[in-house]
Amino acid sequence: TERDGVDVVGDAGSREVLEAAGVAEADAVIVALPDDSTSL
């Protein structure tokens, strides 16, 4: 959902979205999603 405080709008279960968020250069990823299948 696009709203204040959200830097990248999209499904975290998408490779393109994770790349846009800079996961490849990140030091840690916190997966705080409500759906377990998407979290996995």
PDB file of all heavy atoms in Angstrom:
ATOM      1  N   THR A   1       0.840  -1.197   0.000  1.00  0.00           N
ATOM      2  CA  THR A   1       0.000   0.000   0.000  1.00  0.00           C
ATOM      3  C   THR A   1       0.874   1.245   0.000  1.00  0.00           C
ATOM      4  O   THR A   1       1.797   1.377   0.815  1.00  0.00           O
ATOM      5  CB  THR A   1      -0.923   0.025   1.239  1.00  0.00           C
ATOM      6  OG1 THR A   1      -1.694  -1.175   1.273  1.00  0.00           O
ATOM      7  CG2 THR A   1      -1.836   1.236   1.216  1.00  0.00           C
ATOM      8  N   GLU A   2       0.562   2.165  -0.889  1.00  0.00           N
ATOM      9  CA  GLU A   2       1.301   3.423  -0.953  1.00  0.00           C
ATOM     10  C   GLU A   2       0.797   4.366   0.136  1.00  0.00           C
ATOM     11  O   GLU A   2      -0.368   4.744   0.165  1.00  0.00           O
ATOM     12  CB  GLU A   2       1.134   4.075  -2.328  1.00  0.00           C
ATOM     13  CG  GLU A   2       1.958   5.344  -2.492  1.00  0.00           C
ATOM     14  CD  GLU A   2       1.886   5.905  -3.908  1.00  0.00           C
ATOM     15  OE1 GLU A   2       1.165   5.320  -4.734  1.00  0.00           O
ATOM     16  OE2 GLU A   2       2.556   6.925  -4.163  1.00  0.00           O
ATOM     17  N   ARG A   3       1.666   4.741   1.051  1.00  0.00           N
ATOM     18  CA  ARG A   3       1.322   5.655   2.139  1.00  0.00           C
ATOM     19  C   ARG A   3       2.595   6.221   2.722  1.00  0.00           C
ATOM     20  O   ARG A   3       3.695   5.821   2.349  1.00  0.00           O
ATOM     21  CB  ARG A   3       0.512   4.947   3.225  1.00  0.00           C
ATOM     22  CG  ARG A   3       1.119   3.677   3.778  1.00  0.00           C
ATOM     23  CD  ARG A   3       0.094   2.868   4.550  1.00  0.00           C
ATOM     24  NE  ARG A   3       0.588   1.560   4.952  1.00  0.00           N
ATOM     25  CZ  ARG A   3       1.063   1.261   6.143  1.00  0.00           C
ATOM     26  NH1 ARG A   3       1.128   2.212   7.084  1.00  0.00           N
ATOM     27  NH2 ARG A   3       1.474   0.050   6.439  1.00  0.00           N
ATOM     28  N   ASP A   4       2.435   7.163   3.628  1.00  0.00           N
ATOM     29  CA  ASP A   4       3.597   7.793   4.245  1.00  0.00           C
ATOM     30  C   ASP A   4       4.464   6.743   4.941  1.00  0.00           C
ATOM     31  O   ASP A   4       3.950   5.877   5.651  1.00  0.00           O
ATOM     32  CB  ASP A   4       3.154   8.846   5.253  1.00  0.00           C
ATOM     33  CG  ASP A   4       2.514  10.055   4.598  1.00  0.00           C
ATOM     34  OD1 ASP A   4       2.726  10.224   3.387  1.00  0.00           O
ATOM     35  OD2 ASP A   4       1.794  10.804   5.287  1.00  0.00           O
ATOM     36  N   GLY A   5       5.752   6.869   4.744  1.00  0.00           N
ATOM     37  CA  GLY A   5       6.679   5.957   5.408  1.00  0.00           C
ATOM     38  C   GLY A   5       7.054   4.750   4.589  1.00  0.00           C
ATOM     39  O   GLY A   5       7.953   4.004   4.970  1.00  0.00           O
ATOM     40  N   VAL A   6       6.373   4.534   3.459  1.00  0.00           N
ATOM     41  CA  VAL A   6       6.692   3.389   2.595  1.00  0.00           C
ATOM     42  C   VAL A   6       7.634   3.852   1.496  1.00  0.00           C
ATOM     43  O   VAL A   6       7.307   4.767   0.726  1.00  0.00           O
ATOM     44  CB  VAL A   6       5.411   2.771   1.984  1.00  0.00           C
ATOM     45  CG1 VAL A   6       5.782   1.645   1.023  1.00  0.00           C
ATOM     46  CG2 VAL A   6       4.497   2.267   3.076  1.00  0.00           C
ATOM     47  N   ASP A   7       8.800   3.227   1.394  1.00  0.00           N
ATOM     48  CA  ASP A   7       9.795   3.635   0.397  1.00  0.00           C
ATOM     49  C   ASP A   7       9.605   2.933  -0.936  1.00  0.00           C
ATOM     50  O   ASP A   7       9.797   3.531  -1.997  1.00  0.00           O
ATOM     51  CB  ASP A   7      11.203   3.340   0.930  1.00  0.00           C
ATOM     52  CG  ASP A   7      11.502   4.102   2.211  1.00  0.00           C
ATOM     53  OD1 ASP A   7      11.324   5.329   2.213  1.00  0.00           O
ATOM     54  OD2 ASP A   7      11.892   3.467   3.207  1.00  0.00           O
ATOM     55  N   VAL A   8       9.267   1.649  -0.893  1.00  0.00           N
ATOM     56  CA  VAL A   8       9.069   0.878  -2.117  1.00  0.00           C
ATOM     57  C   VAL A   8       7.684   0.246  -2.055  1.00  0.00           C
ATOM     58  O   VAL A   8       7.381  -0.529  -1.137  1.00  0.00           O
ATOM     59  CB  VAL A   8      10.135  -0.224  -2.273  1.00  0.00           C
ATOM     60  CG1 VAL A   8       9.890  -1.028  -3.542  1.00  0.00           C
ATOM     61  CG2 VAL A   8      11.532   0.385  -2.282  1.00  0.00           C
ATOM     62  N   VAL A   9       6.832   0.587  -3.029  1.00  0.00           N
ATOM     63  CA  VAL A   9       5.478   0.055  -3.062  1.00  0.00           C
ATOM     64  C   VAL A   9       5.449  -1.179  -3.960  1.00  0.00           C
ATOM     65  O   VAL A   9       5.851  -1.119  -5.130  1.00  0.00           O
ATOM     66  CB  VAL A   9       4.473   1.103  -3.585  1.00  0.00           C
ATOM     67  CG1 VAL A   9       3.066   0.508  -3.645  1.00  0.00           C
ATOM     68  CG2 VAL A   9       4.497   2.343  -2.706  1.00  0.00           C
ATOM     69  N   GLY A  10       5.002  -2.303  -3.394  1.00  0.00           N
ATOM     70  CA  GLY A  10       4.934  -3.526  -4.180  1.00  0.00           C
ATOM     71  C   GLY A  10       4.917  -4.759  -3.290  1.00  0.00           C
ATOM     72  O   GLY A  10       4.997  -4.661  -2.060  1.00  0.00           O
ATOM     73  N   ASP A  11       4.823  -5.904  -3.927  1.00  0.00           N
ATOM     74  CA  ASP A  11       4.779  -7.180  -3.228  1.00  0.00           C
ATOM     75  C   ASP A  11       6.195  -7.614  -2.869  1.00  0.00           C
ATOM     76  O   ASP A  11       7.043  -7.787  -3.754  1.00  0.00           O
ATOM     77  CB  ASP A  11       4.103  -8.220  -4.120  1.00  0.00           C
ATOM     78  CG  ASP A  11       3.947  -9.572  -3.447  1.00  0.00           C
ATOM     79  OD1 ASP A  11       4.373  -9.707  -2.277  1.00  0.00           O
ATOM     80  OD2 ASP A  11       3.410 -10.492  -4.087  1.00  0.00           O
ATOM     81  N   ALA A  12       6.453  -7.803  -1.573  1.00  0.00           N
ATOM     82  CA  ALA A  12       7.794  -8.206  -1.141  1.00  0.00           C
ATOM     83  C   ALA A  12       8.160  -9.592  -1.644  1.00  0.00           C
ATOM     84  O   ALA A  12       9.334  -9.983  -1.588  1.00  0.00           O
ATOM     85  CB  ALA A  12       7.888  -8.160   0.383  1.00  0.00           C
ATOM     86  N   GLY A  13       7.178 -10.346  -2.125  1.00  0.00           N
ATOM     87  CA  GLY A  13       7.449 -11.660  -2.687  1.00  0.00           C
ATOM     88  C   GLY A  13       7.852 -11.599  -4.143  1.00  0.00           C
ATOM     89  O   GLY A  13       7.836 -12.620  -4.837  1.00  0.00           O
ATOM     90  N   SER A  14       8.235 -10.406  -4.595  1.00  0.00           N
ATOM     91  CA  SER A  14       8.666 -10.223  -5.985  1.00  0.00           C
ATOM     92  C   SER A  14      10.144  -9.882  -6.008  1.00  0.00           C
ATOM     93  O   SER A  14      10.622  -9.017  -5.275  1.00  0.00           O
ATOM     94  CB  SER A  14       7.861  -9.095  -6.641  1.00  0.00           C
ATOM     95  OG  SER A  14       8.478  -8.645  -7.821  1.00  0.00           O
ATOM     96  N   ARG A  15      10.900 -10.542  -6.880  1.00  0.00           N
ATOM     97  CA  ARG A  15      12.329 -10.279  -6.992  1.00  0.00           C
ATOM     98  C   ARG A  15      12.590  -8.829  -7.389  1.00  0.00           C
ATOM     99  O   ARG A  15      13.520  -8.180  -6.866  1.00  0.00           O
ATOM    100  CB  ARG A  15      12.954 -11.225  -8.025  1.00  0.00           C
ATOM    101  CG  ARG A  15      14.463 -11.038  -8.185  1.00  0.00           C
ATOM    102  CD  ARG A  15      14.991 -11.987  -9.273  1.00  0.00           C
ATOM    103  NE  ARG A  15      14.859 -13.371  -8.862  1.00  0.00           N
ATOM    104  CZ  ARG A  15      15.791 -14.032  -8.168  1.00  0.00           C
ATOM    105  NH1 ARG A  15      16.901 -13.423  -7.796  1.00  0.00           N
ATOM    106  NH2 ARG A  15      15.597 -15.286  -7.845  1.00  0.00           N
ATOM    107  N   GLU A  16      11.785  -8.297  -8.303  1.00  0.00           N
ATOM    108  CA  GLU A  16      11.984  -6.924  -8.762  1.00  0.00           C
ATOM    109  C   GLU A  16      11.813  -5.931  -7.612  1.00  0.00           C
ATOM    110  O   GLU A  16      12.575  -4.961  -7.495  1.00  0.00           O
ATOM    111  CB  GLU A  16      10.992  -6.591  -9.889  1.00  0.00           C
ATOM    112  CG  GLU A  16      11.246  -7.323 -11.198  1.00  0.00           C
ATOM    113  CD  GLU A  16      10.810  -8.782 -11.148  1.00  0.00           C
ATOM    114  OE1 GLU A  16      10.060  -9.142 -10.206  1.00  0.00           O
ATOM    115  OE2 GLU A  16      11.251  -9.572 -12.007  1.00  0.00           O
ATOM    116  N   VAL A  17      10.834  -6.163  -6.755  1.00  0.00           N
ATOM    117  CA  VAL A  17      10.599  -5.259  -5.626  1.00  0.00           C
ATOM    118  C   VAL A  17      11.758  -5.319  -4.649  1.00  0.00           C
ATOM    119  O   VAL A  17      12.230  -4.286  -4.145  1.00  0.00           O
ATOM    120  CB  VAL A  17       9.262  -5.614  -4.927  1.00  0.00           C
ATOM    121  CG1 VAL A  17       9.121  -4.841  -3.616  1.00  0.00           C
ATOM    122  CG2 VAL A  17       8.088  -5.309  -5.848  1.00  0.00           C
ATOM    123  N   LEU A  18      12.248  -6.512  -4.360  1.00  0.00           N
ATOM    124  CA  LEU A  18      13.377  -6.651  -3.445  1.00  0.00           C
ATOM    125  C   LEU A  18      14.631  -6.005  -4.022  1.00  0.00           C
ATOM    126  O   LEU A  18      15.428  -5.401  -3.282  1.00  0.00           O
ATOM    127  CB  LEU A  18      13.632  -8.133  -3.147  1.00  0.00           C
ATOM    128  CG  LEU A  18      12.532  -8.875  -2.372  1.00  0.00           C
ATOM    129  CD1 LEU A  18      12.924 -10.332  -2.150  1.00  0.00           C
ATOM    130  CD2 LEU A  18      12.256  -8.204  -1.037  1.00  0.00           C
ATOM    131  N   GLU A  19      14.823  -6.133  -5.327  1.00  0.00           N
ATOM    132  CA  GLU A  19      15.976  -5.479  -5.956  1.00  0.00           C
ATOM    133  C   GLU A  19      15.844  -3.969  -5.856  1.00  0.00           C
ATOM    134  O   GLU A  19      16.830  -3.256  -5.581  1.00  0.00           O
ATOM    135  CB  GLU A  19      16.086  -5.910  -7.425  1.00  0.00           C
ATOM    136  CG  GLU A  19      16.526  -7.361  -7.599  1.00  0.00           C
ATOM    137  CD  GLU A  19      16.530  -7.795  -9.055  1.00  0.00           C
ATOM    138  OE1 GLU A  19      15.859  -7.108  -9.876  1.00  0.00           O
ATOM    139  OE2 GLU A  19      17.176  -8.804  -9.375  1.00  0.00           O
ATOM    140  N   ALA A  20      14.621  -3.448  -6.051  1.00  0.00           N
ATOM    141  CA  ALA A  20      14.399  -2.006  -5.970  1.00  0.00           C
ATOM    142  C   ALA A  20      14.662  -1.488  -4.557  1.00  0.00           C
ATOM    143  O   ALA A  20      15.083  -0.339  -4.369  1.00  0.00           O
ATOM    144  CB  ALA A  20      12.974  -1.668  -6.395  1.00  0.00           C
ATOM    145  N   ALA A  21      14.426  -2.341  -3.547  1.00  0.00           N
ATOM    146  CA  ALA A  21      14.657  -1.946  -2.150  1.00  0.00           C
ATOM    147  C   ALA A  21      16.127  -2.059  -1.765  1.00  0.00           C
ATOM    148  O   ALA A  21      16.512  -1.642  -0.658  1.00  0.00           O
ATOM    149  CB  ALA A  21      13.814  -2.809  -1.216  1.00  0.00           C
ATOM    150  N   GLY A  22      16.948  -2.612  -2.646  1.00  0.00           N
ATOM    151  CA  GLY A  22      18.375  -2.701  -2.368  1.00  0.00           C
ATOM    152  C   GLY A  22      18.769  -3.856  -1.469  1.00  0.00           C
ATOM    153  O   GLY A  22      19.745  -3.747  -0.716  1.00  0.00           O
ATOM    154  N   VAL A  23      18.039  -4.974  -1.561  1.00  0.00           N
ATOM    155  CA  VAL A  23      18.373  -6.133  -0.720  1.00  0.00           C
ATOM    156  C   VAL A  23      19.770  -6.650  -1.028  1.00  0.00           C
ATOM    157  O   VAL A  23      20.492  -7.115  -0.130  1.00  0.00           O
ATOM    158  CB  VAL A  23      17.314  -7.246  -0.899  1.00  0.00           C
ATOM    159  CG1 VAL A  23      17.791  -8.548  -0.264  1.00  0.00           C
ATOM    160  CG2 VAL A  23      15.991  -6.826  -0.307  1.00  0.00           C
ATOM    161  N   ALA A  24      20.201  -6.533  -2.263  1.00  0.00           N
ATOM    162  CA  ALA A  24      21.510  -7.050  -2.650  1.00  0.00           C
ATOM    163  C   ALA A  24      22.637  -6.347  -1.913  1.00  0.00           C
ATOM    164  O   ALA A  24      23.708  -6.937  -1.692  1.00  0.00           O
ATOM    165  CB  ALA A  24      21.702  -6.908  -4.163  1.00  0.00           C
ATOM    166  N   GLU A  25      22.420  -5.082  -1.511  1.00  0.00           N
ATOM    167  CA  GLU A  25      23.444  -4.327  -0.792  1.00  0.00           C
ATOM    168  C   GLU A  25      23.101  -4.147   0.687  1.00  0.00           C
ATOM    169  O   GLU A  25      23.852  -3.497   1.425  1.00  0.00           O
ATOM    170  CB  GLU A  25      23.628  -2.939  -1.421  1.00  0.00           C
ATOM    171  CG  GLU A  25      24.099  -2.953  -2.862  1.00  0.00           C
ATOM    172  CD  GLU A  25      22.961  -3.204  -3.841  1.00  0.00           C
ATOM    173  OE1 GLU A  25      21.818  -2.809  -3.517  1.00  0.00           O
ATOM    174  OE2 GLU A  25      23.211  -3.799  -4.905  1.00  0.00           O
ATOM    175  N   ALA A  26      21.980  -4.694   1.133  1.00  0.00           N
ATOM    176  CA  ALA A  26      21.532  -4.473   2.514  1.00  0.00           C
ATOM    177  C   ALA A  26      22.335  -5.331   3.486  1.00  0.00           C
ATOM    178  O   ALA A  26      22.932  -6.344   3.125  1.00  0.00           O
ATOM    179  CB  ALA A  26      20.044  -4.778   2.640  1.00  0.00           C
ATOM    180  N   ASP A  27      22.339  -4.887   4.737  1.00  0.00           N
ATOM    181  CA  ASP A  27      23.022  -5.631   5.787  1.00  0.00           C
ATOM    182  C   ASP A  27      22.090  -6.598   6.496  1.00  0.00           C
ATOM    183  O   ASP A  27      22.529  -7.579   7.081  1.00  0.00           O
ATOM    184  CB  ASP A  27      23.605  -4.657   6.811  1.00  0.00           C
ATOM    185  CG  ASP A  27      24.506  -3.640   6.137  1.00  0.00           C
ATOM    186  OD1 ASP A  27      25.532  -4.043   5.592  1.00  0.00           O
ATOM    187  OD2 ASP A  27      24.143  -2.448   6.138  1.00  0.00           O
ATOM    188  N   ALA A  28      20.775  -6.299   6.463  1.00  0.00           N
ATOM    189  CA  ALA A  28      19.799  -7.192   7.093  1.00  0.00           C
ATOM    190  C   ALA A  28      18.439  -6.970   6.442  1.00  0.00           C
ATOM    191  O   ALA A  28      18.149  -5.886   5.921  1.00  0.00           O
ATOM    192  CB  ALA A  28      19.704  -6.936   8.594  1.00  0.00           C
ATOM    193  N   VAL A  29      17.625  -8.002   6.468  1.00  0.00           N
ATOM    194  CA  VAL A  29      16.251  -7.923   5.986  1.00  0.00           C
ATOM    195  C   VAL A  29      15.341  -8.427   7.092  1.00  0.00           C
ATOM    196  O   VAL A  29      15.530  -9.538   7.599  1.00  0.00           O
ATOM    197  CB  VAL A  29      16.031  -8.767   4.710  1.00  0.00           C
ATOM    198  CG1 VAL A  29      14.562  -8.736   4.299  1.00  0.00           C
ATOM    199  CG2 VAL A  29      16.911  -8.264   3.578  1.00  0.00           C
ATOM    200  N   ILE A  30      14.377  -7.610   7.475  1.00  0.00           N
ATOM    201  CA  ILE A  30      13.367  -8.012   8.448  1.00  0.00           C
ATOM    202  C   ILE A  30      12.079  -8.286   7.691  1.00  0.00           C
ATOM    203  O   ILE A  30      11.498  -7.386   7.093  1.00  0.00           O
ATOM    204  CB  ILE A  30      13.144  -6.918   9.513  1.00  0.00           C
ATOM    205  CG1 ILE A  30      14.428  -6.679  10.299  1.00  0.00           C
ATOM    206  CG2 ILE A  30      12.009  -7.314  10.457  1.00  0.00           C
ATOM    207  CD1 ILE A  30      14.338  -5.534  11.282  1.00  0.00           C
ATOM    208  N   VAL A  31      11.647  -9.539   7.696  1.00  0.00           N
ATOM    209  CA  VAL A  31      10.421  -9.931   6.989  1.00  0.00           C
ATOM    210  C   VAL A  31       9.279  -9.877   8.001  1.00  0.00           C
ATOM    211  O   VAL A  31       9.165 -10.739   8.879  1.00  0.00           O
ATOM    212  CB  VAL A  31      10.557 -11.343   6.382  1.00  0.00           C
ATOM    213  CG1 VAL A  31       9.276 -11.707   5.623  1.00  0.00           C
ATOM    214  CG2 VAL A  31      11.770 -11.398   5.459  1.00  0.00           C
ATOM    215  N   ALA A  32       8.431  -8.849   7.875  1.00  0.00           N
ATOM    216  CA  ALA A  32       7.359  -8.610   8.844  1.00  0.00           C
ATOM    217  C   ALA A  32       5.996  -8.705   8.179  1.00  0.00           C
ATOM    218  O   ALA A  32       5.088  -7.916   8.452  1.00  0.00           O
ATOM    219  CB  ALA A  32       7.542  -7.221   9.479  1.00  0.00           C
ATOM    220  N   LEU A  33       5.838  -9.691   7.321  1.00  0.00           N
ATOM    221  CA  LEU A  33       4.604  -9.855   6.549  1.00  0.00           C
ATOM    222  C   LEU A  33       3.608 -10.735   7.300  1.00  0.00           C
ATOM    223  O   LEU A  33       3.998 -11.669   7.993  1.00  0.00           O
ATOM    224  CB  LEU A  33       4.917 -10.477   5.188  1.00  0.00           C
ATOM    225  CG  LEU A  33       5.933  -9.706   4.335  1.00  0.00           C
ATOM    226  CD1 LEU A  33       6.368 -10.534   3.140  1.00  0.00           C
ATOM    227  CD2 LEU A  33       5.319  -8.385   3.870  1.00  0.00           C
ATOM    228  N   PRO A  34       2.298 -10.470   7.159  1.00  0.00           N
ATOM    229  CA  PRO A  34       1.291 -11.258   7.878  1.00  0.00           C
ATOM    230  C   PRO A  34       1.044 -12.640   7.293  1.00  0.00           C
ATOM    231  O   PRO A  34       0.561 -13.535   7.985  1.00  0.00           O
ATOM    232  CB  PRO A  34       0.032 -10.389   7.787  1.00  0.00           C
ATOM    233  CG  PRO A  34       0.220  -9.588   6.540  1.00  0.00           C
ATOM    234  CD  PRO A  34       1.696  -9.326   6.433  1.00  0.00           C
ATOM    235  N   ASP A  35       1.365 -12.836   6.011  1.00  0.00           N
ATOM    236  CA  ASP A  35       1.098 -14.110   5.348  1.00  0.00           C
ATOM    237  C   ASP A  35       2.366 -14.953   5.328  1.00  0.00           C
ATOM    238  O   ASP A  35       3.403 -14.523   4.793  1.00  0.00           O
ATOM    239  CB  ASP A  35       0.597 -13.879   3.923  1.00  0.00           C
ATOM    240  CG  ASP A  35       0.304 -15.185   3.195  1.00  0.00           C
ATOM    241  OD1 ASP A  35      -0.679 -15.858   3.554  1.00  0.00           O
ATOM    242  OD2 ASP A  35       1.086 -15.531   2.284  1.00  0.00           O
ATOM    243  N   ASP A  36       2.305 -16.157   5.894  1.00  0.00           N
ATOM    244  CA  ASP A  36       3.498 -16.997   6.002  1.00  0.00           C
ATOM    245  C   ASP A  36       4.028 -17.455   4.651  1.00  0.00           C
ATOM    246  O   ASP A  36       5.241 -17.555   4.453  1.00  0.00           O
ATOM    247  CB  ASP A  36       3.204 -18.211   6.888  1.00  0.00           C
ATOM    248  CG  ASP A  36       3.104 -17.844   8.358  1.00  0.00           C
ATOM    249  OD1 ASP A  36       3.454 -16.701   8.715  1.00  0.00           O
ATOM    250  OD2 ASP A  36       2.668 -18.698   9.159  1.00  0.00           O
ATOM    251  N   SER A  37       3.148 -17.749   3.726  1.00  0.00           N
ATOM    252  CA  SER A  37       3.600 -18.202   2.406  1.00  0.00           C
ATOM    253  C   SER A  37       4.419 -17.112   1.719  1.00  0.00           C
ATOM    254  O   SER A  37       5.477 -17.377   1.137  1.00  0.00           O
ATOM    255  CB  SER A  37       2.396 -18.584   1.532  1.00  0.00           C
ATOM    256  OG  SER A  37       1.726 -19.704   2.068  1.00  0.00           O
ATOM    257  N   THR A  38       3.940 -15.876   1.799  1.00  0.00           N
ATOM    258  CA  THR A  38       4.686 -14.759   1.220  1.00  0.00           C
ATOM    259  C   THR A  38       5.993 -14.531   1.959  1.00  0.00           C
ATOM    260  O   THR A  38       7.025 -14.213   1.360  1.00  0.00           O
ATOM    261  CB  THR A  38       3.833 -13.473   1.252  1.00  0.00           C
ATOM    262  OG1 THR A  38       2.578 -13.706   0.627  1.00  0.00           O
ATOM    263  CG2 THR A  38       4.543 -12.337   0.529  1.00  0.00           C
ATOM    264  N   SER A  39       5.967 -14.717   3.291  1.00  0.00           N
ATOM    265  CA  SER A  39       7.193 -14.552   4.083  1.00  0.00           C
ATOM    266  C   SER A  39       8.250 -15.570   3.675  1.00  0.00           C
ATOM    267  O   SER A  39       9.439 -15.235   3.545  1.00  0.00           O
ATOM    268  CB  SER A  39       6.875 -14.707   5.571  1.00  0.00           C
ATOM    269  OG  SER A  39       6.032 -13.670   6.019  1.00  0.00           O
ATOM    270  N   LEU A  40       7.846 -16.818   3.468  1.00  0.00           N
ATOM    271  CA  LEU A  40       8.792 -17.851   3.059  1.00  0.00           C
ATOM    272  C   LEU A  40       9.361 -17.560   1.679  1.00  0.00           C
ATOM    273  O   LEU A  40      10.568 -17.721   1.435  1.00  0.00           O
ATOM    274  CB  LEU A  40       8.111 -19.218   3.075  1.00  0.00           C
ATOM    275  CG  LEU A  40       7.630 -19.716   4.451  1.00  0.00           C
ATOM    276  CD1 LEU A  40       6.864 -21.025   4.307  1.00  0.00           C
ATOM    277  CD2 LEU A  40       8.820 -19.915   5.391  1.00  0.00           C
TER     278      LEU A  40
END
